[in-house]
Amino acid sequence: MEKDALKIAELIITLDDAKKFLYAKSTKHRVHNWRDIKVNLYI
């Protein structure tokens, strides 16, 4: 990563977030073996 990059956001997608997203489309979907995802946004 370049030294002049500026971090503008950080987001962690959790099991609860994944369930809310999938269940909004269909309650038949299930989430298995979930590990949290950490997203960092730089410009």
PDB file of N, CA and C in Angstrom:
ATOM      1  N   MET A   1       0.846  -1.179   0.000  1.00  0.00           N
ATOM      2  CA  MET A   1       0.000   0.000   0.000  1.00  0.00           C
ATOM      3  C   MET A   1       0.890   1.241   0.000  1.00  0.00           C
ATOM      4  N   GLU A   2       0.471   2.228  -0.712  1.00  0.00           N
ATOM      5  CA  GLU A   2       1.232   3.469  -0.783  1.00  0.00           C
ATOM      6  C   GLU A   2       1.141   4.228   0.528  1.00  0.00           C
ATOM      7  N   LYS A   3       2.176   4.984   0.842  1.00  0.00           N
ATOM      8  CA  LYS A   3       2.219   5.706   2.106  1.00  0.00           C
ATOM      9  C   LYS A   3       1.253   6.884   2.152  1.00  0.00           C
ATOM     10  N   ASP A   4       0.851   7.396   1.002  1.00  0.00           N
ATOM     11  CA  ASP A   4      -0.032   8.557   0.993  1.00  0.00           C
ATOM     12  C   ASP A   4      -1.520   8.184   0.947  1.00  0.00           C
ATOM     13  N   ALA A   5      -1.842   6.903   1.116  1.00  0.00           N
ATOM     14  CA  ALA A   5      -3.235   6.467   1.117  1.00  0.00           C
ATOM     15  C   ALA A   5      -3.916   6.924   2.403  1.00  0.00           C
ATOM     16  N   LEU A   6      -5.179   7.296   2.282  1.00  0.00           N
ATOM     17  CA  LEU A   6      -5.954   7.778   3.410  1.00  0.00           C
ATOM     18  C   LEU A   6      -7.087   6.799   3.690  1.00  0.00           C
ATOM     19  N   LYS A   7      -7.121   6.262   4.887  1.00  0.00           N
ATOM     20  CA  LYS A   7      -8.182   5.333   5.276  1.00  0.00           C
ATOM     21  C   LYS A   7      -9.437   6.148   5.579  1.00  0.00           C
ATOM     22  N   ILE A   8     -10.521   5.849   4.843  1.00  0.00           N
ATOM     23  CA  ILE A   8     -11.743   6.633   5.030  1.00  0.00           C
ATOM     24  C   ILE A   8     -12.868   5.838   5.691  1.00  0.00           C
ATOM     25  N   ALA A   9     -12.743   4.511   5.731  1.00  0.00           N
ATOM     26  CA  ALA A   9     -13.810   3.726   6.348  1.00  0.00           C
ATOM     27  C   ALA A   9     -13.300   2.350   6.760  1.00  0.00           C
ATOM     28  N   GLU A  10     -13.953   1.800   7.782  1.00  0.00           N
ATOM     29  CA  GLU A  10     -13.683   0.441   8.226  1.00  0.00           C
ATOM     30  C   GLU A  10     -15.020  -0.194   8.547  1.00  0.00           C
ATOM     31  N   LEU A  11     -15.215  -1.421   8.101  1.00  0.00           N
ATOM     32  CA  LEU A  11     -16.498  -2.095   8.257  1.00  0.00           C
ATOM     33  C   LEU A  11     -16.242  -3.559   8.580  1.00  0.00           C
ATOM     34  N   ILE A  12     -16.981  -4.107   9.516  1.00  0.00           N
ATOM     35  CA  ILE A  12     -16.913  -5.532   9.823  1.00  0.00           C
ATOM     36  C   ILE A  12     -18.284  -6.127   9.554  1.00  0.00           C
ATOM     37  N   ILE A  13     -18.327  -7.128   8.679  1.00  0.00           N
ATOM     38  CA  ILE A  13     -19.576  -7.809   8.345  1.00  0.00           C
ATOM     39  C   ILE A  13     -19.661  -9.049   9.235  1.00  0.00           C
ATOM     40  N   THR A  14     -20.657  -9.067  10.114  1.00  0.00           N
ATOM     41  CA  THR A  14     -20.800 -10.132  11.099  1.00  0.00           C
ATOM     42  C   THR A  14     -21.821 -11.178  10.651  1.00  0.00           C
ATOM     43  N   LEU A  15     -21.933 -12.227  11.447  1.00  0.00           N
ATOM     44  CA  LEU A  15     -22.918 -13.265  11.183  1.00  0.00           C
ATOM     45  C   LEU A  15     -24.323 -12.683  11.173  1.00  0.00           C
ATOM     46  N   ASP A  16     -24.627 -11.801  12.109  1.00  0.00           N
ATOM     47  CA  ASP A  16     -25.960 -11.183  12.146  1.00  0.00           C
ATOM     48  C   ASP A  16     -26.239 -10.364  10.892  1.00  0.00           C
ATOM     49  N   ASP A  17     -25.231  -9.648  10.391  1.00  0.00           N
ATOM     50  CA  ASP A  17     -25.391  -8.875   9.154  1.00  0.00           C
ATOM     51  C   ASP A  17     -25.690  -9.805   7.975  1.00  0.00           C
ATOM     52  N   ALA A  18     -24.976 -10.913   7.897  1.00  0.00           N
ATOM     53  CA  ALA A  18     -25.177 -11.869   6.809  1.00  0.00           C
ATOM     54  C   ALA A  18     -26.575 -12.467   6.855  1.00  0.00           C
ATOM     55  N   LYS A  19     -27.029 -12.810   8.053  1.00  0.00           N
ATOM     56  CA  LYS A  19     -28.376 -13.375   8.193  1.00  0.00           C
ATOM     57  C   LYS A  19     -29.450 -12.373   7.789  1.00  0.00           C
ATOM     58  N   LYS A  20     -29.314 -11.132   8.239  1.00  0.00           N
ATOM     59  CA  LYS A  20     -30.287 -10.100   7.883  1.00  0.00           C
ATOM     60  C   LYS A  20     -30.361  -9.924   6.369  1.00  0.00           C
ATOM     61  N   PHE A  21     -29.199  -9.925   5.705  1.00  0.00           N
ATOM     62  CA  PHE A  21     -29.152  -9.748   4.257  1.00  0.00           C
ATOM     63  C   PHE A  21     -29.850 -10.908   3.541  1.00  0.00           C
ATOM     64  N   LEU A  22     -29.505 -12.145   3.912  1.00  0.00           N
ATOM     65  CA  LEU A  22     -30.094 -13.302   3.237  1.00  0.00           C
ATOM     66  C   LEU A  22     -31.579 -13.468   3.558  1.00  0.00           C
ATOM     67  N   TYR A  23     -31.959 -13.290   4.814  1.00  0.00           N
ATOM     68  CA  TYR A  23     -33.349 -13.484   5.203  1.00  0.00           C
ATOM     69  C   TYR A  23     -34.265 -12.423   4.608  1.00  0.00           C
ATOM     70  N   ALA A  24     -33.721 -11.277   4.245  1.00  0.00           N
ATOM     71  CA  ALA A  24     -34.531 -10.249   3.594  1.00  0.00           C
ATOM     72  C   ALA A  24     -34.997 -10.716   2.217  1.00  0.00           C
ATOM     73  N   LYS A  25     -34.209 -11.578   1.596  1.00  0.00           N
ATOM     74  CA  LYS A  25     -34.565 -12.103   0.277  1.00  0.00           C
ATOM     75  C   LYS A  25     -35.414 -13.366   0.380  1.00  0.00           C
ATOM     76  N   SER A  26     -35.055 -14.268   1.305  1.00  0.00           N
ATOM     77  CA  SER A  26     -35.801 -15.507   1.480  1.00  0.00           C
ATOM     78  C   SER A  26     -35.425 -16.135   2.823  1.00  0.00           C
ATOM     79  N   THR A  27     -36.418 -16.575   3.562  1.00  0.00           N
ATOM     80  CA  THR A  27     -36.139 -17.208   4.854  1.00  0.00           C
ATOM     81  C   THR A  27     -35.669 -18.654   4.695  1.00  0.00           C
ATOM     82  N   LYS A  28     -35.646 -19.153   3.471  1.00  0.00           N
ATOM     83  CA  LYS A  28     -35.174 -20.523   3.225  1.00  0.00           C
ATOM     84  C   LYS A  28     -33.641 -20.609   3.191  1.00  0.00           C
ATOM     85  N   HIS A  29     -32.977 -19.484   2.998  1.00  0.00           N
ATOM     86  CA  HIS A  29     -31.517 -19.489   2.956  1.00  0.00           C
ATOM     87  C   HIS A  29     -30.940 -19.597   4.355  1.00  0.00           C
ATOM     88  N   ARG A  30     -29.779 -20.220   4.479  1.00  0.00           N
ATOM     89  CA  ARG A  30     -29.097 -20.358   5.758  1.00  0.00           C
ATOM     90  C   ARG A  30     -27.641 -19.952   5.599  1.00  0.00           C
ATOM     91  N   VAL A  31     -27.049 -19.510   6.696  1.00  0.00           N
ATOM     92  CA  VAL A  31     -25.641 -19.124   6.718  1.00  0.00           C
ATOM     93  C   VAL A  31     -24.888 -20.188   7.510  1.00  0.00           C
ATOM     94  N   HIS A  32     -23.866 -20.793   6.887  1.00  0.00           N
ATOM     95  CA  HIS A  32     -23.077 -21.837   7.535  1.00  0.00           C
ATOM     96  C   HIS A  32     -21.602 -21.442   7.548  1.00  0.00           C
ATOM     97  N   ASN A  33     -20.899 -21.826   8.595  1.00  0.00           N
ATOM     98  CA  ASN A  33     -19.444 -21.623   8.708  1.00  0.00           C
ATOM     99  C   ASN A  33     -19.031 -20.185   8.439  1.00  0.00           C
ATOM    100  N   TRP A  34     -19.697 -19.245   9.056  1.00  0.00           N
ATOM    101  CA  TRP A  34     -19.421 -17.829   8.825  1.00  0.00           C
ATOM    102  C   TRP A  34     -18.241 -17.363   9.649  1.00  0.00           C
ATOM    103  N   ARG A  35     -17.372 -16.584   9.014  1.00  0.00           N
ATOM    104  CA  ARG A  35     -16.306 -15.873   9.712  1.00  0.00           C
ATOM    105  C   ARG A  35     -16.451 -14.403   9.370  1.00  0.00           C
ATOM    106  N   ASP A  36     -16.297 -13.547  10.368  1.00  0.00           N
ATOM    107  CA  ASP A  36     -16.460 -12.105  10.143  1.00  0.00           C
ATOM    108  C   ASP A  36     -15.482 -11.615   9.074  1.00  0.00           C
ATOM    109  N   ILE A  37     -15.932 -10.650   8.288  1.00  0.00           N
ATOM    110  CA  ILE A  37     -15.125 -10.062   7.224  1.00  0.00           C
ATOM    111  C   ILE A  37     -14.826  -8.611   7.601  1.00  0.00           C
ATOM    112  N   LYS A  38     -13.550  -8.261   7.593  1.00  0.00           N
ATOM    113  CA  LYS A  38     -13.154  -6.893   7.902  1.00  0.00           C
ATOM    114  C   LYS A  38     -12.785  -6.190   6.585  1.00  0.00           C
ATOM    115  N   VAL A  39     -13.445  -5.058   6.329  1.00  0.00           N
ATOM    116  CA  VAL A  39     -13.220  -4.294   5.097  1.00  0.00           C
ATOM    117  C   VAL A  39     -12.649  -2.927   5.472  1.00  0.00           C
ATOM    118  N   ASN A  40     -11.542  -2.570   4.862  1.00  0.00           N
ATOM    119  CA  ASN A  40     -10.948  -1.245   5.028  1.00  0.00           C
ATOM    120  C   ASN A  40     -10.980  -0.536   3.683  1.00  0.00           C
ATOM    121  N   LEU A  41     -11.431   0.706   3.664  1.00  0.00           N
ATOM    122  CA  LEU A  41     -11.540   1.458   2.419  1.00  0.00           C
ATOM    123  C   LEU A  41     -10.526   2.610   2.442  1.00  0.00           C
ATOM    124  N   TYR A  42      -9.661   2.607   1.467  1.00  0.00           N
ATOM    125  CA  TYR A  42      -8.619   3.648   1.333  1.00  0.00           C
ATOM    126  C   TYR A  42      -8.784   4.406   0.030  1.00  0.00           C
ATOM    127  N   ILE A  43      -8.395   5.675   0.041  1.00  0.00           N
ATOM    128  CA  ILE A  43      -8.361   6.437  -1.200  1.00  0.00           C
ATOM    129  C   ILE A  43      -6.982   7.035  -1.373  1.00  0.00           C
TER     130      ILE A  43
END
